Structure formats: structure tokens, C-alpha cells
N, C-alpha and C. Protein backbone atom coordinates (compact mmCIF):
# COMPACT_ATOMS: atom_id res chain seq x y z
N UNK A 1 -16.35 13.05 17.76
CA UNK A 1 -17.13 11.97 17.45
C UNK A 1 -18.15 11.61 18.58
N UNK A 2 -17.83 10.67 19.49
CA UNK A 2 -18.59 10.55 20.89
C UNK A 2 -18.93 11.77 21.82
N UNK A 3 -18.42 13.14 20.97
CA UNK A 3 -18.85 14.09 22.16
C UNK A 3 -18.53 14.56 23.46
N UNK A 4 -17.27 13.42 23.57
CA UNK A 4 -16.82 13.86 25.38
C UNK A 4 -15.30 14.10 24.82
N UNK A 5 -14.54 14.23 26.07
CA UNK A 5 -13.63 15.12 25.99
C UNK A 5 -12.37 13.84 25.37
N UNK A 6 -11.13 14.48 25.44
CA UNK A 6 -10.27 14.01 24.34
C UNK A 6 -9.08 12.55 25.78
N UNK A 7 -9.63 13.46 27.10
CA UNK A 7 -8.78 12.59 28.11
C UNK A 7 -10.28 11.79 28.16
N UNK A 8 -11.76 11.60 28.24
CA UNK A 8 -12.01 10.10 28.67
C UNK A 8 -11.57 9.48 27.50
N UNK A 9 -11.94 9.53 26.47
CA UNK A 9 -11.44 8.79 25.35
C UNK A 9 -10.06 8.08 25.78
N UNK A 10 -8.90 9.32 26.18
CA UNK A 10 -7.94 7.93 26.69
C UNK A 10 -8.18 7.21 28.06
N UNK A 11 -8.91 7.69 29.17
CA UNK A 11 -8.91 6.60 29.74
C UNK A 11 -9.24 5.75 29.27
N UNK A 12 -10.98 5.39 28.28
CA UNK A 12 -11.19 4.42 27.75
C UNK A 12 -10.34 3.33 27.00
N UNK A 13 -9.59 4.45 25.82
CA UNK A 13 -8.71 3.50 25.02
C UNK A 13 -7.34 2.74 26.49
N UNK A 14 -6.95 3.12 27.31
CA UNK A 14 -5.61 2.95 28.38
C UNK A 14 -6.25 2.26 29.62
N UNK A 15 -7.64 2.37 29.24
CA UNK A 15 -8.78 1.29 30.45
C UNK A 15 -7.94 1.83 32.05
N UNK A 16 -7.93 3.52 32.18
CA UNK A 16 -7.65 3.28 33.57
C UNK A 16 -8.42 4.96 33.97
N UNK A 17 -8.98 4.68 35.28
CA UNK A 17 -9.61 5.97 35.63
C UNK A 17 -10.81 5.52 35.51
N UNK A 18 -12.01 6.21 35.92
CA UNK A 18 -13.07 6.28 36.03
C UNK A 18 -13.94 6.49 34.47
N UNK A 19 -14.96 6.33 33.92
CA UNK A 19 -15.58 6.86 32.61
C UNK A 19 -16.96 5.99 32.77
N UNK A 20 -17.91 7.67 32.79
CA UNK A 20 -19.73 6.91 33.04
C UNK A 20 -19.93 6.22 32.12
N UNK A 21 -21.50 4.92 32.31
CA UNK A 21 -21.65 3.95 31.03
C UNK A 21 -22.17 4.78 30.18
N UNK A 22 -22.12 5.93 30.22
CA UNK A 22 -22.99 6.68 29.07
C UNK A 22 -21.11 6.71 28.11
N UNK A 23 -20.83 7.67 28.51
CA UNK A 23 -19.84 7.62 27.44
C UNK A 23 -18.77 6.52 27.53
N UNK A 24 -18.78 5.79 27.88
CA UNK A 24 -18.30 4.31 27.29
C UNK A 24 -18.73 4.20 25.95
N UNK A 25 -19.82 4.14 26.49
CA UNK A 25 -21.07 3.15 25.33
C UNK A 25 -20.86 4.16 24.03
N UNK A 26 -20.59 5.34 24.61
CA UNK A 26 -20.04 6.41 22.84
C UNK A 26 -19.60 6.24 22.15
N UNK A 27 -18.51 6.18 23.22
CA UNK A 27 -16.95 5.72 22.59
C UNK A 27 -16.96 4.38 22.08
N UNK A 28 -17.33 3.46 22.77
CA UNK A 28 -16.94 1.94 22.20
C UNK A 28 -17.92 2.20 20.87
N UNK A 29 -19.15 3.09 20.54
CA UNK A 29 -19.43 2.59 18.99
C UNK A 29 -18.79 3.74 18.65
N UNK A 30 -18.40 4.73 18.58
CA UNK A 30 -17.55 6.05 17.54
C UNK A 30 -16.52 4.41 16.79
N UNK A 31 -15.64 4.02 18.18
CA UNK A 31 -14.33 2.88 18.16
C UNK A 31 -14.42 1.94 16.76
N UNK A 32 -16.32 0.89 17.31
CA UNK A 32 -16.27 0.32 16.43
C UNK A 32 -17.02 0.94 14.59
N UNK A 33 -17.53 1.89 14.83
CA UNK A 33 -18.06 2.33 13.57
C UNK A 33 -16.74 2.99 12.20
N UNK A 34 -15.87 2.84 13.10
CA UNK A 34 -14.15 3.41 12.58
C UNK A 34 -13.55 2.59 12.85
N UNK A 35 -13.86 0.91 12.62
CA UNK A 35 -12.52 0.04 13.18
C UNK A 35 -11.31 0.26 13.69
N UNK A 36 -11.71 1.10 15.18
CA UNK A 36 -9.83 1.67 15.22
C UNK A 36 -8.99 0.37 15.51
N UNK A 37 -7.90 0.10 15.54
CA UNK A 37 -6.97 -1.08 16.35
C UNK A 37 -5.44 -0.26 16.82
N UNK A 38 -5.33 -0.85 17.66
CA UNK A 38 -4.24 0.44 18.82
C UNK A 38 -2.75 0.43 17.05
N UNK A 39 -2.27 1.46 17.09
CA UNK A 39 -0.66 1.64 16.44
C UNK A 39 -0.02 1.17 17.56
N UNK A 40 0.35 -0.34 18.15
CA UNK A 40 1.45 -0.82 18.76
C UNK A 40 2.79 0.01 18.71
N UNK A 41 3.59 0.12 18.13
CA UNK A 41 4.36 0.98 17.25
C UNK A 41 4.81 1.65 18.15
N UNK A 42 3.48 3.00 17.85
CA UNK A 42 3.78 4.29 18.63
C UNK A 42 2.73 4.52 20.35
N UNK A 43 2.50 3.45 21.24
CA UNK A 43 2.42 2.82 22.43
C UNK A 43 3.61 2.56 22.78
N UNK A 44 4.30 1.91 21.95
CA UNK A 44 5.73 1.45 22.81
C UNK A 44 6.92 2.38 22.67
N UNK A 45 6.00 3.66 21.94
CA UNK A 45 7.50 4.94 21.57
C UNK A 45 8.42 5.07 23.64
N UNK A 46 7.38 5.37 24.40
CA UNK A 46 7.42 5.58 25.15
C UNK A 46 8.11 4.69 26.43
N UNK A 47 7.49 3.55 25.49
CA UNK A 47 7.91 2.27 26.52
C UNK A 47 10.05 2.55 26.61
N UNK A 48 10.31 1.22 28.05
CA UNK A 48 11.85 1.07 28.04
C UNK A 48 12.80 0.25 27.63
N UNK A 49 11.97 -0.78 27.61
CA UNK A 49 12.13 -2.02 27.57
C UNK A 49 12.79 -2.45 26.39
N UNK A 50 13.91 -3.39 26.38
CA UNK A 50 14.87 -3.39 25.69
C UNK A 50 14.07 -5.32 25.12
N UNK A 51 13.06 -5.23 23.73
CA UNK A 51 12.97 -6.92 23.43
C UNK A 51 14.38 -6.95 22.73
N UNK A 52 15.17 -8.88 23.46
CA UNK A 52 16.44 -8.80 22.73
C UNK A 52 15.91 -10.46 21.28
N UNK A 53 16.51 -10.16 20.42
CA UNK A 53 15.95 -11.36 19.71
C UNK A 53 17.56 -12.21 19.27
N UNK A 54 17.87 -13.06 19.37
CA UNK A 54 19.16 -13.78 19.31
C UNK A 54 18.29 -14.29 17.83
N UNK A 55 19.71 -14.76 16.92
CA UNK A 55 19.13 -15.28 15.74
C UNK A 55 20.55 -16.10 15.49
N UNK A 56 20.05 -17.40 15.02
CA UNK A 56 21.77 -18.70 15.46
C UNK A 56 21.78 -18.70 14.05
N UNK A 57 22.72 -17.98 13.00
CA UNK A 57 22.85 -18.76 11.58
C UNK A 57 23.87 -19.84 11.34
N UNK A 58 23.99 -20.31 10.21
CA UNK A 58 25.60 -20.97 9.92
C UNK A 58 26.23 -19.51 9.19
N UNK A 59 27.48 -19.75 9.69
CA UNK A 59 28.59 -18.82 9.30
C UNK A 59 29.08 -18.54 7.51
N UNK A 60 28.44 -17.13 7.01
CA UNK A 60 28.40 -17.01 5.78
C UNK A 60 29.56 -16.58 4.91
N UNK A 61 31.00 -16.62 5.62
CA UNK A 61 32.07 -16.53 5.31
C UNK A 61 32.05 -17.85 5.07
N UNK A 62 31.76 -19.47 5.73
CA UNK A 62 31.68 -20.72 5.07
C UNK A 62 31.22 -20.86 3.96
N UNK A 63 29.12 -20.70 4.07
CA UNK A 63 28.12 -20.76 3.48
C UNK A 63 27.87 -19.49 2.70
N UNK A 64 28.18 -19.15 1.30
CA UNK A 64 27.59 -17.58 1.41
C UNK A 64 26.37 -17.31 1.00
N UNK A 65 25.67 -18.67 0.75
CA UNK A 65 24.07 -18.96 0.45
C UNK A 65 23.34 -18.20 1.94
N UNK A 66 24.04 -18.20 2.87
CA UNK A 66 23.60 -16.91 4.53
C UNK A 66 23.06 -15.67 4.28
N UNK A 67 23.87 -15.55 3.49
CA UNK A 67 24.40 -13.69 3.25
C UNK A 67 23.36 -13.07 2.40
N UNK A 68 22.76 -13.37 2.17
CA UNK A 68 21.00 -12.36 1.96
C UNK A 68 19.88 -12.30 3.53
N UNK A 69 20.30 -13.33 4.44
CA UNK A 69 19.55 -13.43 5.73
C UNK A 69 20.41 -12.55 6.25
N UNK A 70 21.74 -12.81 6.63
CA UNK A 70 22.15 -12.32 7.42
C UNK A 70 21.94 -10.76 7.30
N UNK A 71 22.37 -9.89 5.18
CA UNK A 71 21.66 -8.52 5.21
C UNK A 71 20.41 -8.00 5.35
N UNK A 72 19.58 -9.22 5.45
CA UNK A 72 18.32 -8.86 5.93
C UNK A 72 17.87 -8.90 8.09
N UNK A 73 18.69 -9.24 8.40
CA UNK A 73 19.14 -9.26 9.79
C UNK A 73 19.39 -7.77 10.09
N UNK A 74 20.29 -7.54 9.36
CA UNK A 74 21.28 -6.18 9.28
C UNK A 74 20.53 -4.73 8.72
N UNK A 75 19.87 -5.04 7.90
CA UNK A 75 18.82 -3.66 8.22
C UNK A 75 17.62 -3.59 8.75
N UNK A 76 16.77 -5.36 9.11
CA UNK A 76 16.34 -5.31 10.83
C UNK A 76 16.65 -4.31 11.76
N UNK A 77 18.27 -4.39 11.78
CA UNK A 77 18.60 -4.19 12.93
C UNK A 77 18.82 -2.48 12.76
N UNK A 78 18.75 -2.13 12.01
CA UNK A 78 18.86 -0.81 12.05
C UNK A 78 17.07 -0.50 11.76
N UNK A 79 16.19 -0.58 11.68
CA UNK A 79 15.38 -0.25 11.82
C UNK A 79 14.16 -0.34 12.93
N UNK A 80 14.03 -1.32 13.51
CA UNK A 80 13.91 -1.54 15.02
C UNK A 80 14.28 -0.95 15.84
N UNK A 81 15.67 -0.39 15.53
CA UNK A 81 16.58 -0.13 16.99
C UNK A 81 16.27 0.64 17.66
N UNK A 82 15.09 1.99 16.80
CA UNK A 82 14.63 3.03 18.05
C UNK A 82 13.34 2.42 18.53
N UNK A 83 12.73 1.15 18.47
CA UNK A 83 11.70 0.64 18.59
C UNK A 83 12.25 0.04 20.63
N UNK A 84 13.43 0.06 20.45
CA UNK A 84 13.80 -1.07 21.74
C UNK A 84 13.38 -2.37 21.04
N UNK A 85 14.21 -2.64 20.47
CA UNK A 85 14.36 -4.14 19.52
C UNK A 85 16.42 -3.88 19.63
N UNK A 86 16.69 -5.43 19.97
CA UNK A 86 18.49 -5.44 20.06
C UNK A 86 18.08 -7.04 19.27
N UNK A 87 18.71 -6.89 18.09
CA UNK A 87 19.13 -8.40 17.62
C UNK A 87 20.59 -9.03 17.17
N UNK A 88 20.86 -9.81 17.95
CA UNK A 88 22.14 -10.76 18.42
C UNK A 88 22.01 -11.70 17.11
N UNK A 89 23.12 -11.48 16.30
CA UNK A 89 23.69 -12.63 15.79
C UNK A 89 24.78 -13.75 16.21
N UNK A 90 24.07 -14.80 15.85
CA UNK A 90 25.71 -16.11 15.92
C UNK A 90 26.22 -17.05 15.42
N UNK A 91 27.05 -17.28 15.20
CA UNK A 91 27.44 -17.63 13.65
C UNK A 91 27.51 -19.37 14.23
N UNK A 92 27.81 -20.61 13.29
CA UNK A 92 28.63 -21.11 13.51
C UNK A 92 28.96 -22.31 12.35
N UNK A 93 29.54 -23.67 12.72
CA UNK A 93 29.93 -24.18 11.19
C UNK A 93 29.21 -25.30 10.90
N UNK A 94 28.77 -25.08 9.79
CA UNK A 94 27.19 -25.60 9.86
C UNK A 94 28.57 -27.26 9.06
N UNK A 95 29.30 -27.14 8.57
CA UNK A 95 30.17 -27.90 8.21
C UNK A 95 30.85 -29.20 9.51
N UNK A 96 30.89 -28.54 10.37
CA UNK A 96 31.50 -28.82 11.23
C UNK A 96 31.04 -30.21 12.21
N UNK A 97 31.57 -30.84 13.17
CA UNK A 97 31.49 -31.77 13.52
C UNK A 97 30.05 -32.04 13.94
N UNK A 98 30.55 -31.32 15.69
CA UNK A 98 28.96 -30.39 16.44
C UNK A 98 29.37 -29.08 16.50
N UNK A 99 28.81 -28.49 15.09
CA UNK A 99 28.47 -27.16 15.46
C UNK A 99 28.30 -26.58 16.79
N UNK A 100 27.81 -27.15 17.31
CA UNK A 100 27.34 -25.94 18.71
C UNK A 100 28.39 -26.91 19.72
């Protein structure tokens, strides 16, 4: 759409390498017209980082009210595992005098 190579577009999108001011203007104009937004999931596919999320919940075996939350967290763990997200769930006794 901008009349430049894929490599030039790649350099503009990832802000690396030199690009002529003319090509930069053309690419930015097209990006504005199509309302371009980067796909963060696709961008992180090559990422080797692991993002750790810790969840602290009342123990669902003591208070079953929290069981839907645990199930949702387990679903999220399965869904986001491929994207380098590790979720650790820790439980505490809500009724204990010092739950922590």
C-alpha cells in the first residue's frame, strides 16, 4: 500500500535500521489510514520471557464460594501457558486467626 518493501515496513514497525524520510512518511500514512495496532500476542510468540503471576485466595476446600475463581484461574493457566505466562495459586484459611 505504501509502495515500499516488506523489509522497510518491518524496520519502521520495529524501529530498527535506517529508513528514508519519504518511506517513513508513506508507511506512517498507511498505518494511520488502516488504524494499525500491533498484535501483542503475536509479537510475544518469539519472546522467551516467563511472566509469573501469583494468586492468593481463600482455600476453596474450606469455603466453596471461591471454587469458581479457582476454575477460572485454571482455565487461564491452560490458555496462556503457550504465551509464557505462569500462574501460581496459593491458598489460605480465611477463618484462621492469622491466615498468613
